[in-house]
N, C-alpha and C. Protein backbone atom coordinates (compact mmCIF):
# COMPACT_ATOMS: atom_id res chain seq x y z
N MET A 1 0.84 -1.17 0.00
CA MET A 1 0.00 0.00 0.00
C MET A 1 0.89 1.24 0.00
N ARG A 2 0.42 2.25 -0.67
CA ARG A 2 1.12 3.53 -0.66
C ARG A 2 0.09 4.64 -0.52
N THR A 3 0.55 5.79 -0.14
CA THR A 3 -0.33 6.94 0.02
C THR A 3 0.07 8.00 -1.00
N GLU A 4 -0.91 8.51 -1.74
CA GLU A 4 -0.68 9.58 -2.70
C GLU A 4 -1.84 10.57 -2.61
N VAL A 5 -1.60 11.75 -3.09
CA VAL A 5 -2.64 12.76 -3.14
C VAL A 5 -3.45 12.54 -4.42
N VAL A 6 -4.78 12.54 -4.29
CA VAL A 6 -5.66 12.45 -5.45
C VAL A 6 -6.52 13.71 -5.49
N GLU A 7 -6.95 14.07 -6.69
CA GLU A 7 -7.85 15.21 -6.83
C GLU A 7 -9.28 14.69 -6.70
N ILE A 8 -10.03 15.23 -5.77
CA ILE A 8 -11.41 14.81 -5.55
C ILE A 8 -12.33 15.89 -6.12
N TYR A 9 -13.09 15.51 -7.14
CA TYR A 9 -14.01 16.45 -7.78
C TYR A 9 -15.40 16.38 -7.14
N SER A 10 -15.74 15.24 -6.62
CA SER A 10 -17.02 15.05 -5.92
C SER A 10 -16.85 13.87 -4.98
N ASP A 11 -17.34 14.02 -3.75
CA ASP A 11 -17.28 12.90 -2.82
C ASP A 11 -18.68 12.40 -2.46
N THR A 12 -19.57 12.50 -3.45
CA THR A 12 -20.93 12.00 -3.29
C THR A 12 -20.89 10.52 -2.92
N THR A 13 -21.68 10.12 -1.96
CA THR A 13 -21.71 8.73 -1.52
C THR A 13 -21.99 7.80 -2.69
N ASN A 14 -21.19 6.75 -2.79
CA ASN A 14 -21.28 5.73 -3.85
C ASN A 14 -21.08 6.27 -5.26
N CYS A 15 -20.53 7.47 -5.39
CA CYS A 15 -20.25 8.03 -6.71
C CYS A 15 -19.18 9.10 -6.64
N ALA A 16 -18.13 8.85 -5.87
CA ALA A 16 -17.04 9.81 -5.77
C ALA A 16 -16.32 9.88 -7.12
N VAL A 17 -15.97 11.09 -7.51
CA VAL A 17 -15.23 11.31 -8.76
C VAL A 17 -13.87 11.86 -8.36
N LEU A 18 -12.80 11.15 -8.79
CA LEU A 18 -11.45 11.57 -8.43
C LEU A 18 -10.49 11.26 -9.55
N ARG A 19 -9.37 11.97 -9.53
CA ARG A 19 -8.33 11.74 -10.53
C ARG A 19 -7.07 11.26 -9.82
N HIS A 20 -6.65 10.10 -10.22
CA HIS A 20 -5.44 9.48 -9.68
C HIS A 20 -4.23 10.14 -10.32
N PRO A 21 -3.13 10.32 -9.55
CA PRO A 21 -1.93 10.92 -10.13
C PRO A 21 -1.48 10.15 -11.38
N GLY A 22 -1.11 10.87 -12.39
CA GLY A 22 -0.64 10.23 -13.62
C GLY A 22 -1.73 9.90 -14.62
N ARG A 23 -2.97 10.08 -14.23
CA ARG A 23 -4.08 9.83 -15.15
C ARG A 23 -4.60 11.15 -15.67
N ARG A 24 -5.00 11.15 -16.93
CA ARG A 24 -5.49 12.39 -17.54
C ARG A 24 -6.91 12.72 -17.10
N PHE A 25 -7.75 11.70 -17.04
CA PHE A 25 -9.16 11.92 -16.72
C PHE A 25 -9.53 11.34 -15.36
N PRO A 26 -10.48 11.96 -14.69
CA PRO A 26 -10.98 11.41 -13.43
C PRO A 26 -11.74 10.10 -13.66
N GLY A 27 -11.90 9.36 -12.59
CA GLY A 27 -12.68 8.14 -12.62
C GLY A 27 -13.71 8.18 -11.49
N VAL A 28 -14.54 7.16 -11.46
CA VAL A 28 -15.57 7.03 -10.43
C VAL A 28 -15.14 5.93 -9.47
N LEU A 29 -15.18 6.23 -8.20
CA LEU A 29 -14.86 5.24 -7.17
C LEU A 29 -16.13 4.46 -6.84
N VAL A 30 -16.09 3.15 -7.04
CA VAL A 30 -17.22 2.30 -6.71
C VAL A 30 -16.86 1.54 -5.44
N GLN A 31 -17.65 1.70 -4.40
CA GLN A 31 -17.41 1.01 -3.13
C GLN A 31 -17.55 -0.50 -3.33
N GLY A 32 -16.83 -1.27 -2.54
CA GLY A 32 -16.82 -2.73 -2.68
C GLY A 32 -18.19 -3.36 -2.54
N ASP A 33 -19.00 -2.89 -1.59
CA ASP A 33 -20.32 -3.49 -1.43
C ASP A 33 -21.22 -3.15 -2.62
N THR A 34 -21.04 -1.96 -3.20
CA THR A 34 -21.81 -1.58 -4.39
C THR A 34 -21.38 -2.44 -5.58
N LEU A 35 -20.09 -2.66 -5.73
CA LEU A 35 -19.58 -3.51 -6.81
C LEU A 35 -20.14 -4.92 -6.67
N TYR A 36 -20.14 -5.44 -5.47
CA TYR A 36 -20.68 -6.77 -5.22
C TYR A 36 -22.16 -6.83 -5.62
N ASN A 37 -22.93 -5.83 -5.24
CA ASN A 37 -24.35 -5.81 -5.59
C ASN A 37 -24.57 -5.68 -7.09
N LEU A 38 -23.74 -4.90 -7.78
CA LEU A 38 -23.84 -4.80 -9.24
C LEU A 38 -23.57 -6.16 -9.89
N CYS A 39 -22.60 -6.89 -9.37
CA CYS A 39 -22.30 -8.23 -9.89
C CYS A 39 -23.48 -9.17 -9.69
N ARG A 40 -24.07 -9.13 -8.52
CA ARG A 40 -25.23 -9.98 -8.23
C ARG A 40 -26.40 -9.65 -9.15
N GLN A 41 -26.63 -8.35 -9.39
CA GLN A 41 -27.71 -7.94 -10.29
C GLN A 41 -27.43 -8.41 -11.72
N ALA A 42 -26.19 -8.28 -12.16
CA ALA A 42 -25.82 -8.74 -13.50
C ALA A 42 -26.01 -10.25 -13.63
N ASP A 43 -25.68 -10.99 -12.57
CA ASP A 43 -25.90 -12.44 -12.58
C ASP A 43 -27.38 -12.76 -12.76
N ARG A 44 -28.24 -12.08 -12.00
CA ARG A 44 -29.69 -12.33 -12.08
C ARG A 44 -30.24 -11.96 -13.46
N ILE A 45 -29.77 -10.85 -14.02
CA ILE A 45 -30.24 -10.43 -15.34
C ILE A 45 -29.83 -11.45 -16.39
N CYS A 46 -28.60 -11.91 -16.34
CA CYS A 46 -28.13 -12.90 -17.32
C CYS A 46 -28.90 -14.21 -17.18
N LEU A 47 -29.16 -14.61 -15.97
CA LEU A 47 -29.91 -15.85 -15.75
C LEU A 47 -31.31 -15.74 -16.34
N THR A 48 -31.95 -14.61 -16.13
CA THR A 48 -33.30 -14.38 -16.65
C THR A 48 -33.30 -14.26 -18.18
N ALA A 49 -32.27 -13.61 -18.72
CA ALA A 49 -32.23 -13.33 -20.16
C ALA A 49 -31.79 -14.52 -21.00
N GLN A 50 -31.10 -15.47 -20.41
CA GLN A 50 -30.58 -16.61 -21.17
C GLN A 50 -31.73 -17.37 -21.83
N GLY A 51 -31.65 -17.54 -23.13
CA GLY A 51 -32.67 -18.24 -23.87
C GLY A 51 -33.84 -17.36 -24.29
N VAL A 52 -33.90 -16.13 -23.76
CA VAL A 52 -34.99 -15.21 -24.09
C VAL A 52 -34.54 -14.22 -25.17
N MET A 53 -33.32 -13.76 -25.07
CA MET A 53 -32.83 -12.77 -26.03
C MET A 53 -31.93 -13.45 -27.06
N SER A 54 -31.59 -12.73 -28.08
CA SER A 54 -30.73 -13.30 -29.13
C SER A 54 -29.38 -13.69 -28.54
N ALA A 55 -28.74 -14.65 -29.18
CA ALA A 55 -27.43 -15.13 -28.71
C ALA A 55 -26.41 -14.00 -28.69
N ASP A 56 -26.43 -13.14 -29.70
CA ASP A 56 -25.47 -12.02 -29.76
C ASP A 56 -25.69 -11.04 -28.61
N ASP A 57 -26.95 -10.70 -28.36
CA ASP A 57 -27.25 -9.78 -27.26
C ASP A 57 -26.87 -10.39 -25.91
N TYR A 58 -27.18 -11.67 -25.75
CA TYR A 58 -26.83 -12.34 -24.49
C TYR A 58 -25.32 -12.39 -24.31
N GLU A 59 -24.60 -12.66 -25.38
CA GLU A 59 -23.13 -12.71 -25.30
C GLU A 59 -22.56 -11.37 -24.85
N GLU A 60 -23.12 -10.28 -25.37
CA GLU A 60 -22.66 -8.95 -24.98
C GLU A 60 -22.97 -8.68 -23.50
N MET A 61 -24.15 -9.07 -23.06
CA MET A 61 -24.51 -8.87 -21.66
C MET A 61 -23.64 -9.73 -20.74
N ASP A 62 -23.38 -10.95 -21.17
CA ASP A 62 -22.55 -11.84 -20.37
C ASP A 62 -21.12 -11.31 -20.28
N TYR A 63 -20.62 -10.71 -21.36
CA TYR A 63 -19.29 -10.10 -21.35
C TYR A 63 -19.24 -8.97 -20.31
N PHE A 64 -20.28 -8.15 -20.30
CA PHE A 64 -20.38 -7.06 -19.32
C PHE A 64 -20.35 -7.63 -17.90
N ARG A 65 -21.10 -8.69 -17.68
CA ARG A 65 -21.13 -9.34 -16.37
C ARG A 65 -19.75 -9.85 -15.98
N GLU A 66 -19.05 -10.46 -16.91
CA GLU A 66 -17.71 -10.98 -16.62
C GLU A 66 -16.71 -9.87 -16.34
N GLU A 67 -16.86 -8.73 -17.00
CA GLU A 67 -15.99 -7.59 -16.70
C GLU A 67 -16.21 -7.11 -15.26
N LEU A 68 -17.46 -7.02 -14.84
CA LEU A 68 -17.75 -6.66 -13.45
C LEU A 68 -17.13 -7.68 -12.50
N ARG A 69 -17.26 -8.95 -12.82
CA ARG A 69 -16.71 -10.02 -11.99
C ARG A 69 -15.19 -9.92 -11.89
N THR A 70 -14.54 -9.50 -12.98
CA THR A 70 -13.08 -9.32 -12.96
C THR A 70 -12.70 -8.24 -11.95
N PHE A 71 -13.45 -7.13 -11.95
CA PHE A 71 -13.20 -6.08 -10.96
C PHE A 71 -13.42 -6.61 -9.55
N LEU A 72 -14.48 -7.37 -9.34
CA LEU A 72 -14.78 -7.90 -8.01
C LEU A 72 -13.70 -8.87 -7.56
N SER A 73 -13.23 -9.73 -8.44
CA SER A 73 -12.17 -10.68 -8.09
C SER A 73 -10.90 -9.95 -7.68
N HIS A 74 -10.56 -8.92 -8.43
CA HIS A 74 -9.37 -8.12 -8.09
C HIS A 74 -9.55 -7.45 -6.73
N TYR A 75 -10.72 -6.88 -6.50
CA TYR A 75 -11.03 -6.22 -5.23
C TYR A 75 -10.85 -7.21 -4.07
N LYS A 76 -11.42 -8.40 -4.20
CA LYS A 76 -11.34 -9.40 -3.13
C LYS A 76 -9.90 -9.85 -2.89
N LYS A 77 -9.12 -9.99 -3.96
CA LYS A 77 -7.72 -10.39 -3.84
C LYS A 77 -6.92 -9.32 -3.09
N VAL A 78 -7.11 -8.06 -3.47
CA VAL A 78 -6.38 -6.97 -2.83
C VAL A 78 -6.77 -6.86 -1.35
N MET A 79 -8.05 -6.97 -1.07
CA MET A 79 -8.50 -6.91 0.33
C MET A 79 -7.84 -8.02 1.15
N SER A 80 -7.80 -9.21 0.61
CA SER A 80 -7.19 -10.35 1.30
C SER A 80 -5.69 -10.14 1.51
N GLU A 81 -5.00 -9.65 0.47
CA GLU A 81 -3.56 -9.41 0.57
C GLU A 81 -3.22 -8.40 1.67
N HIS A 82 -4.14 -7.50 1.96
CA HIS A 82 -3.89 -6.47 2.97
C HIS A 82 -4.58 -6.78 4.30
N GLY A 83 -5.12 -8.00 4.42
CA GLY A 83 -5.73 -8.41 5.68
C GLY A 83 -7.00 -7.65 6.03
N LEU A 84 -7.70 -7.16 5.01
CA LEU A 84 -8.92 -6.39 5.24
C LEU A 84 -10.15 -7.26 5.02
N SER A 85 -11.16 -7.04 5.83
CA SER A 85 -12.40 -7.81 5.66
C SER A 85 -13.25 -7.20 4.55
N LEU A 86 -14.05 -8.05 3.94
CA LEU A 86 -14.93 -7.59 2.87
C LEU A 86 -16.16 -6.92 3.45
N PRO A 87 -16.71 -5.92 2.74
CA PRO A 87 -17.91 -5.23 3.23
C PRO A 87 -19.20 -5.95 2.83
N PHE A 88 -19.08 -7.24 2.52
CA PHE A 88 -20.24 -8.05 2.15
C PHE A 88 -19.94 -9.49 2.55
N PHE A 89 -20.99 -10.30 2.63
CA PHE A 89 -20.82 -11.71 2.95
C PHE A 89 -20.46 -12.43 1.67
N ASP A 90 -19.27 -13.00 1.61
CA ASP A 90 -18.76 -13.64 0.40
C ASP A 90 -19.28 -15.07 0.31
N THR A 91 -20.32 -15.26 -0.48
CA THR A 91 -20.90 -16.59 -0.64
C THR A 91 -20.14 -17.37 -1.70
N PRO A 92 -20.11 -18.71 -1.62
CA PRO A 92 -19.41 -19.52 -2.63
C PRO A 92 -19.90 -19.19 -4.03
N GLY A 93 -18.97 -19.09 -4.96
CA GLY A 93 -19.32 -18.78 -6.33
C GLY A 93 -19.31 -17.29 -6.63
N ASP A 94 -19.22 -16.47 -5.61
CA ASP A 94 -19.19 -15.02 -5.83
C ASP A 94 -17.79 -14.54 -6.06
């Protein structure tokens, strides 16, 4: 872990906008519990949509879901590496 100064443009709850040093554009900070909930919602949407929408549309939605899952996996790995507890109950398969 390291500490650096970031530019905070908005610290609105669950939608903070900040610019990390070395980056040209600001980004949005998504809290871990919010990320987890977005992943769960994407899972439910994909489960419901499978077989209902076209294969191409489903593939695109599933790709989006997997991208969210990649962020969540990285978040959980970093939290574990630093001995931090997760802000959600980590159920098997999540």
